[in-house]
C-alpha atoms as a PDB file:
ATOM      1  CA  MET A   1       5.234  -1.187  -3.287  1.00  0.00           C
ATOM      2  CA  LYS A   2       6.509  -1.056  -6.857  1.00  0.00           C
ATOM      3  CA  ASN A   3       5.438   2.598  -7.145  1.00  0.00           C
ATOM      4  CA  LEU A   4       7.237   3.441  -3.899  1.00  0.00           C
ATOM      5  CA  PHE A   5      10.408   1.807  -5.204  1.00  0.00           C
ATOM      6  CA  SER A   6      10.161   3.742  -8.482  1.00  0.00           C
ATOM      7  CA  PHE A   7       9.503   6.995  -6.637  1.00  0.00           C
ATOM      8  CA  LEU A   8      12.443   6.520  -4.244  1.00  0.00           C
ATOM      9  CA  THR A   9      14.749   5.552  -7.070  1.00  0.00           C
ATOM     10  CA  ALA A  10      13.742   8.619  -9.109  1.00  0.00           C
ATOM     11  CA  ILE A  11      14.332  10.963  -6.183  1.00  0.00           C
ATOM     12  CA  LEU A  12      17.675   9.430  -5.323  1.00  0.00           C
ATOM     13  CA  MET A  13      18.854   9.541  -8.919  1.00  0.00           C
ATOM     14  CA  ALA A  14      17.702  13.131  -9.372  1.00  0.00           C
ATOM     15  CA  SER A  15      19.425  14.277  -6.184  1.00  0.00           C
ATOM     16  CA  SER A  16      22.851  13.633  -7.619  1.00  0.00           C
ATOM     17  CA  THR A  17      23.708  13.209 -11.265  1.00  0.00           C
ATOM     18  CA  ILE A  18      27.145  11.873 -10.381  1.00  0.00           C
ATOM     19  CA  ALA A  19      26.022   9.116  -8.039  1.00  0.00           C
ATOM     20  CA  GLN A  20      25.323   5.692  -9.464  1.00  0.00           C
ATOM     21  CA  THR A  21      22.959   2.920  -8.463  1.00  0.00           C
ATOM     22  CA  ILE A  22      24.331  -0.548  -7.792  1.00  0.00           C
ATOM     23  CA  GLU A  23      21.956  -3.530  -7.652  1.00  0.00           C
ATOM     24  CA  VAL A  24      22.753  -6.589  -5.559  1.00  0.00           C
ATOM     25  CA  CYS A  25      21.000  -9.914  -6.203  1.00  0.00           C
ATOM     26  CA  LYS A  26      21.784 -13.538  -6.914  1.00  0.00           C
ATOM     27  CA  THR A  27      21.706 -13.002 -10.709  1.00  0.00           C
ATOM     28  CA  CYS A  28      23.127  -9.442 -10.774  1.00  0.00           C
ATOM     29  CA  PRO A  29      26.712  -8.687 -11.827  1.00  0.00           C
ATOM     30  CA  ILE A  30      27.296  -7.872  -8.152  1.00  0.00           C
ATOM     31  CA  SER A  31      25.884 -10.559  -5.846  1.00  0.00           C
ATOM     32  CA  SER A  32      27.514  -9.514  -2.569  1.00  0.00           C
ATOM     33  CA  ILE A  33      26.609  -6.568  -0.340  1.00  0.00           C
ATOM     34  CA  LYS A  34      30.247  -6.278   0.704  1.00  0.00           C
ATOM     35  CA  ASP A  35      31.413  -6.118  -2.938  1.00  0.00           C
ATOM     36  CA  ALA A  36      28.792  -3.468  -3.709  1.00  0.00           C
ATOM     37  CA  ILE A  37      30.010  -1.312  -0.830  1.00  0.00           C
ATOM     38  CA  ILE A  38      33.633  -1.703  -1.925  1.00  0.00           C
ATOM     39  CA  GLN A  39      32.802  -0.688  -5.512  1.00  0.00           C
ATOM     40  CA  ALA A  40      30.487   2.177  -4.513  1.00  0.00           C
ATOM     41  CA  LYS A  41      31.654   5.764  -4.387  1.00  0.00           C
ATOM     42  CA  ASP A  42      30.459   8.417  -1.940  1.00  0.00           C
ATOM     43  CA  PHE A  43      26.704   9.091  -2.194  1.00  0.00           C
ATOM     44  CA  ASP A  44      25.981   6.087  -4.433  1.00  0.00           C
ATOM     45  CA  THR A  45      22.825   4.042  -3.892  1.00  0.00           C
ATOM     46  CA  ILE A  46      22.919   0.296  -3.319  1.00  0.00           C
ATOM     47  CA  ILE A  47      19.688  -1.606  -3.923  1.00  0.00           C
ATOM     48  CA  VAL A  48      19.696  -5.000  -2.205  1.00  0.00           C
ATOM     49  CA  LYS A  49      17.019  -7.254  -3.658  1.00  0.00           C
ATOM     50  CA  LYS A  50      15.350 -10.025  -1.695  1.00  0.00           C
ATOM     51  CA  GLY A  51      17.555 -13.041  -1.166  1.00  0.00           C
ATOM     52  CA  THR A  52      19.821 -14.797   1.274  1.00  0.00           C
ATOM     53  CA  TYR A  53      23.102 -13.023   1.939  1.00  0.00           C
ATOM     54  CA  LYS A  54      25.523 -14.990   4.112  1.00  0.00           C
ATOM     55  CA  GLU A  55      27.948 -12.193   4.874  1.00  0.00           C
ATOM     56  CA  HIS A  56      29.516 -10.773   8.006  1.00  0.00           C
ATOM     57  CA  ASP A  57      31.828  -7.971   9.084  1.00  0.00           C
ATOM     58  CA  ILE A  58      30.506  -5.553   6.481  1.00  0.00           C
ATOM     59  CA  LEU A  59      32.036  -2.100   6.927  1.00  0.00           C
ATOM     60  CA  VAL A  60      30.305   0.944   5.460  1.00  0.00           C
ATOM     61  CA  ASN A  61      32.964   3.650   5.603  1.00  0.00           C
ATOM     62  CA  LYS A  62      31.479   6.130   3.131  1.00  0.00           C
ATOM     63  CA  PRO A  63      28.165   7.978   2.824  1.00  0.00           C
ATOM     64  CA  LEU A  64      25.759   5.693   0.929  1.00  0.00           C
ATOM     65  CA  THR A  65      22.069   5.006   0.577  1.00  0.00           C
ATOM     66  CA  ILE A  66      21.231   1.316   0.980  1.00  0.00           C
ATOM     67  CA  ILE A  67      17.732   0.217  -0.016  1.00  0.00           C
ATOM     68  CA  PHE A  68      16.477  -3.240   0.955  1.00  0.00           C
ATOM     69  CA  ILE A  69      13.648  -4.481  -1.299  1.00  0.00           C
ATOM     70  CA  GLY A  70      11.426  -7.386  -0.253  1.00  0.00           C
ATOM     71  CA  PHE A  71      12.911  -8.033   3.189  1.00  0.00           C
ATOM     72  CA  SER A  72      10.961  -8.293   6.425  1.00  0.00           C
ATOM     73  CA  LEU A  73      11.974  -5.886   9.166  1.00  0.00           C
ATOM     74  CA  PHE A  74      13.377  -8.865  11.119  1.00  0.00           C
ATOM     75  CA  GLY A  75      15.447  -9.904   8.109  1.00  0.00           C
ATOM     76  CA  ILE A  76      16.901  -6.418   7.741  1.00  0.00           C
ATOM     77  CA  MET A  77      17.652  -6.101  11.440  1.00  0.00           C
ATOM     78  CA  SER A  78      19.337  -9.530  11.393  1.00  0.00           C
ATOM     79  CA  LEU A  79      21.508  -8.418   8.477  1.00  0.00           C
ATOM     80  CA  LEU A  80      22.325  -5.018   9.987  1.00  0.00           C
ATOM     81  CA  VAL A  81      23.708  -6.719  13.098  1.00  0.00           C
ATOM     82  CA  PHE A  82      26.701  -7.608  10.927  1.00  0.00           C
ATOM     83  CA  VAL A  83      26.995  -4.180   9.267  1.00  0.00           C
ATOM     84  CA  ILE A  84      29.169  -1.510  10.855  1.00  0.00           C
ATOM     85  CA  LEU A  85      28.014   1.959   9.802  1.00  0.00           C
ATOM     86  CA  LYS A  86      30.824   4.500  10.174  1.00  0.00           C
ATOM     87  CA  ARG A  87      29.537   7.289   7.934  1.00  0.00           C
ATOM     88  CA  LYS A  88      26.224   8.969   7.232  1.00  0.00           C
ATOM     89  CA  THR A  89      24.463   6.053   5.605  1.00  0.00           C
ATOM     90  CA  LYS A  90      20.738   6.017   4.884  1.00  0.00           C
ATOM     91  CA  VAL A  91      19.011   2.649   5.153  1.00  0.00           C
ATOM     92  CA  ILE A  92      15.608   2.459   3.446  1.00  0.00           C
ATOM     93  CA  THR A  93      13.308  -0.540   3.543  1.00  0.00           C
ATOM     94  CA  GLY A  94      10.579  -1.348   1.075  1.00  0.00           C
END
């Protein structure tokens, strides 16, 4: 699992030298998925670490890659019910 995360991160970072990676977790500078999406620029990667995120009405209106680490498929699907994807957004689970 850790190797897969490292591999995916390396590929995503190599694919665009301009794009940045934003981490979301309880102890990270950004602790909200919504805030991460607002701060992200086109083609950035958002890594959402395992935790409880009580958010709703999340709008993704730019092309992003969102990686969920440590979530069950049910947990991700429950969260994505409240996410509106309006652009080409990749969602990766791990």
